[in-house]
Protein backbone atom coordinates (compact mmCIF):
# COMPACT_ATOMS: atom_id res chain seq x y z
CA MET A 1 -10.47 7.86 -27.83
CA GLN A 2 -12.65 7.96 -24.75
CA ILE A 3 -11.08 5.81 -22.05
CA ALA A 4 -12.60 4.98 -18.66
CA VAL A 5 -10.90 3.86 -15.46
CA ILE A 6 -13.51 1.76 -13.68
CA LYS A 7 -13.72 1.08 -9.94
CA GLU A 8 -13.37 -2.62 -9.12
CA GLN A 9 -16.45 -4.50 -7.91
CA LYS A 10 -14.76 -7.65 -6.59
CA GLU A 11 -14.88 -8.01 -2.82
CA GLY A 12 -11.66 -6.89 -1.15
CA GLU A 13 -10.14 -5.58 -4.41
CA GLY A 14 -8.38 -2.25 -3.86
CA ARG A 15 -6.32 -2.01 -7.03
CA VAL A 16 -7.06 0.45 -9.80
CA ALA A 17 -6.12 0.00 -13.46
CA ALA A 18 -4.38 3.37 -13.86
CA THR A 19 -2.47 5.78 -11.64
CA PRO A 20 -2.96 9.56 -11.92
CA GLU A 21 0.34 9.66 -13.82
CA ASN A 22 -1.04 7.16 -16.34
CA VAL A 23 -4.16 9.29 -16.73
CA ARG A 24 -2.01 12.37 -17.34
CA LYS A 25 -0.09 10.59 -20.11
CA MET A 26 -3.28 9.33 -21.76
CA VAL A 27 -4.78 12.83 -21.67
CA GLU A 28 -1.58 14.36 -23.08
CA ALA A 29 -1.84 11.87 -25.94
CA GLY A 30 -5.17 13.45 -26.92
CA ASN A 31 -7.61 11.10 -25.19
CA GLU A 32 -10.56 11.90 -22.97
CA VAL A 33 -10.15 9.95 -19.74
CA LEU A 34 -13.10 9.28 -17.48
CA VAL A 35 -12.36 8.13 -13.94
CA GLU A 36 -15.05 6.56 -11.81
CA LYS A 37 -15.38 8.37 -8.50
CA ASP A 38 -13.28 6.72 -5.74
CA ALA A 39 -11.75 4.24 -8.22
CA GLY A 40 -8.28 4.81 -6.77
CA VAL A 41 -9.08 5.29 -3.10
CA GLY A 42 -8.21 1.69 -2.19
CA ALA A 43 -4.74 2.13 -3.67
CA GLY A 44 -4.16 5.49 -2.01
CA PHE A 45 -5.01 7.76 -4.96
CA SER A 46 -7.55 10.51 -4.32
CA ASN A 47 -10.19 11.81 -6.71
CA ASP A 48 -8.42 15.17 -6.71
CA GLU A 49 -5.19 13.57 -7.96
CA PHE A 50 -7.01 12.11 -10.97
CA VAL A 51 -8.74 15.43 -11.71
CA GLU A 52 -5.42 17.30 -11.49
CA ALA A 53 -4.03 14.79 -14.00
CA GLY A 54 -6.78 15.72 -16.45
CA GLY A 55 -9.32 13.00 -15.71
CA LYS A 56 -13.05 13.63 -15.48
CA LEU A 57 -14.89 12.10 -12.52
CA VAL A 58 -17.96 10.08 -13.50
CA SER A 59 -20.36 7.50 -12.13
CA HIS A 60 -20.01 3.77 -12.73
CA ALA A 61 -22.65 3.75 -15.48
CA GLU A 62 -21.18 6.86 -17.15
CA GLY A 63 -17.74 5.28 -17.21
CA TRP A 64 -19.01 2.18 -18.95
CA LYS A 65 -20.14 4.33 -21.91
CA ALA A 66 -16.49 4.84 -22.95
CA ASP A 67 -14.88 3.11 -25.94
CA LEU A 68 -12.06 1.51 -23.92
CA ILE A 69 -12.79 0.24 -20.43
CA ILE A 70 -9.70 -0.38 -18.30
CA LYS A 71 -10.09 -2.55 -15.23
CA VAL A 72 -7.94 -4.77 -13.06
CA LYS A 73 -10.18 -7.82 -12.77
CA GLU A 74 -12.87 -9.40 -14.91
CA PRO A 75 -16.28 -7.69 -15.12
CA ASP A 76 -18.86 -8.41 -12.44
CA PRO A 77 -22.17 -10.01 -13.56
CA GLU A 78 -23.92 -6.73 -12.82
CA GLU A 79 -21.70 -5.12 -15.47
CA TYR A 80 -22.77 -7.43 -18.31
CA GLN A 81 -25.53 -4.94 -19.11
CA TYR A 82 -22.87 -2.48 -20.29
CA PHE A 83 -21.32 -4.80 -22.88
CA SER A 84 -21.85 -3.68 -26.46
CA LYS A 85 -20.48 -4.20 -29.96
CA GLY A 86 -17.17 -2.45 -30.48
CA LYS A 87 -16.54 -1.86 -26.79
CA ILE A 88 -13.08 -2.91 -25.58
CA VAL A 89 -12.64 -4.25 -22.04
CA TRP A 90 -9.10 -4.43 -20.68
CA GLY A 91 -8.00 -6.23 -17.51
CA PHE A 92 -6.83 -9.47 -15.96
CA GLN A 93 -9.83 -11.36 -17.31
CA HIS A 94 -9.16 -15.00 -16.32
CA LEU A 95 -12.18 -15.88 -18.43
CA ALA A 96 -11.61 -19.65 -18.38
CA SER A 97 -13.23 -19.70 -14.94
CA SER A 98 -16.26 -17.61 -15.99
CA LYS A 99 -18.24 -18.96 -18.91
CA PRO A 100 -21.19 -16.62 -18.22
CA THR A 101 -18.90 -13.61 -18.72
CA VAL A 102 -17.64 -14.98 -22.03
CA GLU A 103 -21.14 -15.79 -23.24
CA ALA A 104 -22.32 -12.28 -22.33
CA MET A 105 -19.41 -10.79 -24.27
CA MET A 106 -20.13 -13.05 -27.24
CA LYS A 107 -23.78 -12.04 -27.28
CA ALA A 108 -22.93 -8.33 -27.12
CA GLY A 109 -20.05 -8.41 -29.61
CA THR A 110 -17.54 -7.09 -27.08
CA THR A 111 -13.75 -7.25 -27.39
CA ALA A 112 -11.85 -8.46 -24.30
CA ILE A 113 -8.11 -8.12 -23.78
CA GLY A 114 -6.62 -10.18 -20.96
CA GLY A 115 -3.38 -8.88 -19.51
CA GLU A 116 -2.68 -12.36 -18.18
CA THR A 117 -2.30 -13.78 -21.69
CA ILE A 118 -0.05 -11.06 -23.15
CA VAL A 119 3.24 -12.66 -24.15
CA GLU A 120 6.16 -10.36 -24.90
CA ASP A 121 9.60 -11.80 -25.72
CA GLY A 122 8.38 -15.21 -24.61
CA LYS A 123 7.28 -13.97 -21.18
CA LEU A 124 3.96 -13.14 -19.55
CA ALA A 125 4.95 -9.50 -19.29
CA LEU A 126 2.01 -8.08 -17.34
CA LEU A 127 1.22 -11.13 -15.24
CA SER A 128 4.78 -11.53 -13.96
CA PRO A 129 4.78 -8.79 -11.31
CA MET A 130 1.35 -9.85 -10.04
CA SER A 131 2.59 -13.44 -9.83
CA GLN A 132 5.65 -12.29 -7.88
CA ILE A 133 3.38 -10.50 -5.40
CA ALA A 134 1.06 -13.50 -5.08
CA GLY A 135 3.98 -15.90 -4.59
CA ARG A 136 5.54 -13.83 -1.82
CA ARG A 137 2.21 -13.24 -0.12
CA SER A 138 1.33 -16.95 -0.27
CA VAL A 139 4.18 -17.77 2.10
CA ILE A 140 3.30 -14.86 4.38
CA MET A 141 -0.34 -15.94 4.58
CA GLY A 142 0.64 -19.58 4.98
CA ALA A 143 2.83 -18.64 7.95
CA TYR A 144 -0.09 -16.74 9.47
CA TYR A 145 -2.54 -19.61 9.16
CA LEU A 146 -0.10 -22.11 10.61
CA GLU A 147 -0.76 -20.46 13.97
CA ALA A 148 -2.90 -22.39 16.46
CA GLN A 149 -5.73 -19.84 16.65
CA HIS A 150 -6.47 -20.62 12.99
CA GLN A 151 -6.41 -24.40 13.67
CA GLY A 152 -2.98 -24.57 12.09
CA GLU A 153 -0.11 -26.77 13.18
CA GLY A 154 0.88 -24.23 15.80
CA ILE A 155 4.38 -23.71 14.46
CA LEU A 156 6.40 -20.58 13.78
CA LEU A 157 7.37 -21.00 10.15
CA PRO A 158 10.87 -19.42 10.48
CA GLY A 159 11.63 -21.46 13.59
CA ILE A 160 14.01 -20.01 16.20
CA PRO A 161 17.77 -20.39 16.76
CA VAL A 162 17.41 -23.14 19.36
CA PRO A 163 18.74 -26.65 18.76
CA GLY A 164 16.04 -28.94 17.42
CA ILE A 165 13.57 -26.18 16.48
CA HIS A 166 13.77 -25.89 12.73
CA ALA A 167 12.04 -23.67 10.20
CA GLY A 168 9.16 -25.16 8.27
CA ASN A 169 9.07 -26.89 4.91
CA VAL A 170 7.54 -25.10 1.91
CA VAL A 171 6.63 -27.15 -1.17
CA ILE A 172 5.93 -25.22 -4.36
CA PHE A 173 4.15 -26.74 -7.34
CA GLY A 174 5.38 -25.13 -10.57
CA GLY A 175 8.50 -23.14 -11.38
CA GLY A 176 7.34 -19.82 -12.82
CA HIS A 177 7.27 -16.27 -11.51
CA ALA A 178 4.92 -16.98 -8.60
CA ALA A 179 7.11 -19.90 -7.59
CA ILE A 180 10.22 -17.70 -7.61
CA GLY A 181 8.45 -15.15 -5.43
CA ALA A 182 7.36 -17.85 -2.99
CA THR A 183 10.82 -19.42 -2.94
CA ASP A 184 12.57 -16.11 -2.26
CA MET A 185 10.20 -15.37 0.62
CA ALA A 186 10.49 -18.86 2.10
CA LEU A 187 14.28 -18.80 1.91
CA GLY A 188 14.30 -15.39 3.53
CA LEU A 189 12.47 -16.94 6.47
CA GLY A 190 14.99 -19.75 6.68
CA CYS A 191 12.68 -22.47 5.38
CA SER A 192 13.60 -25.51 3.34
CA VAL A 193 12.00 -25.41 -0.10
CA VAL A 194 11.01 -28.04 -2.64
CA ILE A 195 10.04 -26.91 -6.15
CA ILE A 196 8.14 -29.40 -8.31
CA GLU A 197 8.56 -28.55 -12.00
CA LEU A 198 7.74 -30.40 -15.23
CA ASN A 199 10.01 -28.81 -17.83
CA ASP A 200 13.54 -30.24 -17.84
CA ASP A 201 15.15 -27.01 -19.09
CA ARG A 202 13.37 -25.03 -16.41
CA ILE A 203 14.51 -27.53 -13.77
CA LYS A 204 18.12 -26.86 -14.78
CA GLU A 205 17.56 -23.11 -14.64
CA LEU A 206 16.06 -23.35 -11.16
CA GLU A 207 18.88 -25.57 -9.93
CA THR A 208 21.39 -23.01 -11.17
CA GLN A 209 19.47 -20.06 -9.75
CA PHE A 210 19.19 -21.59 -6.27
CA ALA A 211 22.50 -23.45 -6.19
CA GLY A 212 23.95 -23.53 -2.68
CA LYS A 213 20.63 -22.69 -1.07
CA ASN A 214 18.21 -24.90 0.84
CA VAL A 215 16.19 -25.75 -2.27
CA ARG A 216 15.50 -29.07 -3.98
CA VAL A 217 14.02 -29.13 -7.47
CA VAL A 218 12.23 -32.35 -8.42
CA LYS A 219 10.56 -33.58 -11.58
CA SER A 220 6.81 -33.08 -11.66
CA ASN A 221 4.86 -36.32 -11.77
CA GLU A 222 2.09 -37.77 -9.63
CA GLU A 223 4.47 -39.94 -7.60
CA ASN A 224 6.79 -37.07 -6.65
CA LEU A 225 3.90 -34.73 -5.97
CA ALA A 226 2.27 -37.27 -3.65
CA LYS A 227 5.57 -37.86 -1.87
CA GLU A 228 6.60 -34.23 -1.32
CA ILE A 229 3.21 -32.89 -0.27
CA LYS A 230 3.18 -35.14 2.81
CA ASP A 231 6.04 -33.19 4.38
CA ALA A 232 4.78 -29.70 3.51
CA ASP A 233 3.89 -27.23 6.22
CA ILE A 234 2.86 -24.90 3.40
CA PHE A 235 2.01 -26.16 -0.09
CA VAL A 236 1.80 -23.46 -2.77
CA SER A 237 0.31 -24.38 -6.14
CA THR A 238 1.32 -21.94 -8.88
CA ILE A 239 0.32 -23.88 -12.00
CA LEU A 240 -1.19 -21.58 -14.62
CA ILE A 241 -2.02 -22.26 -18.26
CA PRO A 242 -2.62 -18.83 -19.85
CA GLY A 243 -6.17 -18.59 -21.12
CA SER A 244 -7.05 -22.16 -20.14
CA ARG A 245 -8.46 -23.89 -17.11
CA PRO A 246 -5.77 -26.15 -15.58
CA PRO A 247 -6.46 -29.78 -14.62
CA LYS A 248 -6.94 -30.77 -10.97
CA LEU A 249 -3.50 -32.28 -10.51
CA VAL A 250 -3.43 -32.15 -6.71
CA LYS A 251 -5.76 -35.02 -5.82
CA GLU A 252 -7.81 -35.32 -2.64
CA TYR A 253 -5.86 -38.39 -1.52
CA MET A 254 -2.75 -36.22 -1.57
CA VAL A 255 -4.42 -33.55 0.55
CA LYS A 256 -5.58 -36.19 3.04
CA SER A 257 -1.97 -37.34 3.41
CA MET A 258 -0.82 -33.88 4.55
CA LYS A 259 -0.11 -32.97 8.15
CA LYS A 260 -3.14 -31.78 10.09
CA GLY A 261 -3.08 -28.03 10.32
CA SER A 262 -0.82 -27.56 7.31
CA VAL A 263 -1.77 -24.95 4.71
CA ILE A 264 -2.51 -25.09 0.97
CA VAL A 265 -2.40 -21.87 -1.05
CA ASP A 266 -3.60 -22.07 -4.66
CA VAL A 267 -2.20 -19.01 -6.41
CA ALA A 268 -3.86 -19.79 -9.76
CA ILE A 269 -7.40 -20.22 -8.46
CA ASP A 270 -8.31 -17.31 -10.80
CA GLN A 271 -8.25 -19.83 -13.66
CA GLY A 272 -9.89 -22.63 -11.66
CA GLY A 273 -6.85 -23.87 -9.75
CA THR A 274 -5.20 -27.28 -9.56
CA VAL A 275 -6.32 -28.53 -6.13
CA GLU A 276 -9.15 -31.04 -6.18
CA THR A 277 -10.38 -30.08 -2.72
CA ILE A 278 -10.94 -26.45 -3.79
CA ASP A 279 -14.15 -26.21 -5.79
CA LYS A 280 -14.57 -22.44 -5.65
CA PRO A 281 -12.54 -19.34 -4.77
CA THR A 282 -12.57 -17.66 -1.38
CA THR A 283 -12.23 -13.92 -0.76
CA ILE A 284 -9.75 -11.58 0.90
CA ASP A 285 -12.34 -10.94 3.63
CA ASP A 286 -13.13 -14.65 4.13
CA PRO A 287 -10.02 -16.37 2.75
CA VAL A 288 -9.85 -19.90 4.16
CA PHE A 289 -11.73 -23.11 4.80
CA ILE A 290 -10.64 -26.39 6.34
CA LYS A 291 -11.06 -29.73 4.61
CA ASP A 292 -9.46 -33.05 5.52
CA GLY A 293 -7.79 -31.22 8.40
CA VAL A 294 -5.87 -28.94 6.02
CA ILE A 295 -6.34 -25.18 5.80
CA HIS A 296 -7.13 -24.08 2.24
CA TYR A 297 -6.40 -20.51 1.12
CA ALA A 298 -8.00 -19.85 -2.27
CA VAL A 299 -8.12 -16.09 -2.84
CA PRO A 300 -8.10 -15.32 -6.60
CA ASN A 301 -6.92 -11.71 -6.34
CA GLN A 302 -4.11 -11.84 -3.80
CA PRO A 303 -2.37 -8.71 -5.15
CA GLY A 304 -5.59 -6.84 -4.36
CA ALA A 305 -4.70 -7.10 -0.68
CA VAL A 306 -1.65 -4.90 -1.30
CA PRO A 307 -3.25 -2.50 -3.76
CA ARG A 308 -0.70 0.30 -3.61
CA THR A 309 2.23 -1.94 -4.51
CA ALA A 310 0.21 -3.92 -7.04
CA THR A 311 -1.27 -0.87 -8.75
CA MET A 312 2.14 0.73 -9.22
CA ALA A 313 3.49 -2.49 -10.76
CA LEU A 314 0.42 -2.95 -12.94
CA ALA A 315 0.38 0.63 -14.21
CA ALA A 316 4.04 0.45 -15.18
CA GLY A 317 3.28 -2.37 -17.60
CA ASN A 318 -0.05 -1.66 -19.22
CA LEU A 319 0.31 1.99 -20.27
CA LYS A 320 2.16 1.41 -23.55
CA TYR A 321 -0.53 -0.99 -24.75
CA LEU A 322 -3.36 1.36 -23.79
CA LEU A 323 -1.68 4.25 -25.61
CA GLU A 324 -1.15 2.03 -28.64
CA ILE A 325 -4.83 1.10 -28.80
CA ALA A 326 -5.89 4.72 -28.36
CA ASP A 327 -3.47 5.97 -31.01
CA LYS A 328 -3.96 3.35 -33.72
CA GLY A 329 -7.37 1.92 -32.95
CA ILE A 330 -7.80 -1.69 -31.90
CA ASP A 331 -7.51 -3.20 -35.39
CA ASP A 332 -4.24 -1.56 -36.41
CA ALA A 333 -2.81 -1.94 -32.90
CA ILE A 334 -3.21 -5.71 -32.80
CA LYS A 335 -2.00 -6.06 -36.39
CA SER A 336 1.21 -4.18 -35.62
CA ASP A 337 1.93 -5.62 -32.16
CA PRO A 338 2.01 -9.42 -31.72
CA ALA A 339 2.27 -9.04 -27.94
CA LEU A 340 -0.95 -7.05 -27.79
CA ALA A 341 -2.59 -9.51 -30.18
CA SER A 342 -1.74 -12.36 -27.80
CA GLY A 343 -3.88 -10.66 -25.18
CA VAL A 344 -7.05 -10.60 -27.29
CA ASN A 345 -9.32 -13.24 -25.76
CA LEU A 346 -12.44 -12.14 -27.64
CA TYR A 347 -12.73 -9.92 -30.68
CA GLU A 348 -16.17 -8.44 -31.33
CA GLY A 349 -17.80 -11.38 -29.60
CA LYS A 350 -15.72 -14.16 -31.16
CA VAL A 351 -13.43 -16.24 -28.92
CA THR A 352 -9.91 -15.78 -30.32
CA ASN A 353 -7.93 -17.54 -27.59
CA GLU A 354 -7.78 -21.23 -28.43
CA GLY A 355 -7.15 -22.37 -24.87
CA LEU A 356 -10.13 -20.39 -23.63
CA ALA A 357 -12.39 -21.84 -26.31
CA LYS A 358 -11.34 -25.39 -25.49
CA SER A 359 -11.71 -24.88 -21.75
CA LEU A 360 -15.28 -23.64 -22.12
CA ASP A 361 -16.26 -25.79 -25.12
CA LEU A 362 -17.02 -22.74 -27.24
CA PRO A 363 -16.34 -22.01 -30.93
CA TYR A 364 -12.81 -20.76 -31.65
CA THR A 365 -11.94 -18.21 -34.34
CA GLU A 366 -8.38 -17.27 -35.24
CA LEU A 367 -7.86 -13.57 -34.57
CA GLN A 368 -6.82 -12.86 -38.14
CA ASN A 369 -10.16 -14.32 -39.32
CA ALA A 370 -12.36 -12.70 -36.64
């Protein structure tokens, strides 16, 4: 199979979908691997490293002629022209927030596999490490924007060991992988943490995991959310519904009740986010805006700011699926591997992820019938 590693177009995105080692393994498996020139530079991988691994350097347009396109993020509108019937596009698609992309894929008959919807052994196998990175970074960036020069509260989030000067309060909405990453980082800084979680079993797991630490886990409902957000120096929303656009659960009246100069970070803005006062994503280069006196951080590709770490984690997870597709072909691969099948958002132009179809009000086709 001809496979292409495409350079990311999204502003501030330095990750690349494959390391030179991944390229070497794909070539050894009998595939021709095209690598767009400078695709790995942002993550610290040179063109020479990819060539030494057996890759062939090509232009952006030449890369898009391959059978299997591997990316990190969803295609840019300028790339819609390259969609075609039978072409497979792999990446963290987050298509629920981009109806034009889905419609372009439907029109062209393209197949799209979203790493963020792949479920293996009941877990979001590929999304997990990216969520961990985003969760940790959310607290770091929140601490940065709490400083006075950013119109923040003017507090040092970890506090200092002086009587009466305490570390800040971090409130985390959701109890998944991003929440764990944010909690670990916040605890490491000495903060108090509140996790707001809906699932009763997950609440018990979190209480056990953080027993004896400065963490409270509370039941997710509007009353508790409204109560806890008032005391947050940093509020991190991590709510993600794989394939679907989440509801705006964090209402504007809640944001208005927050301390002036506090910070909101919406980790799941890729899928549309849960904060009512955030109507569109920001970028790594221009990451914040202020509304109702609260600093809003709404970058959809946070791991892209640490591309070396993120690329290594990403490449460790996606290779087996890419080799499977190349070896068996897409049809046999998804028939034999339920985890891979769970990542198919569109198959030859038909929307095969039910949550995605409902979110965008588009026709849904079961994968087995597509």
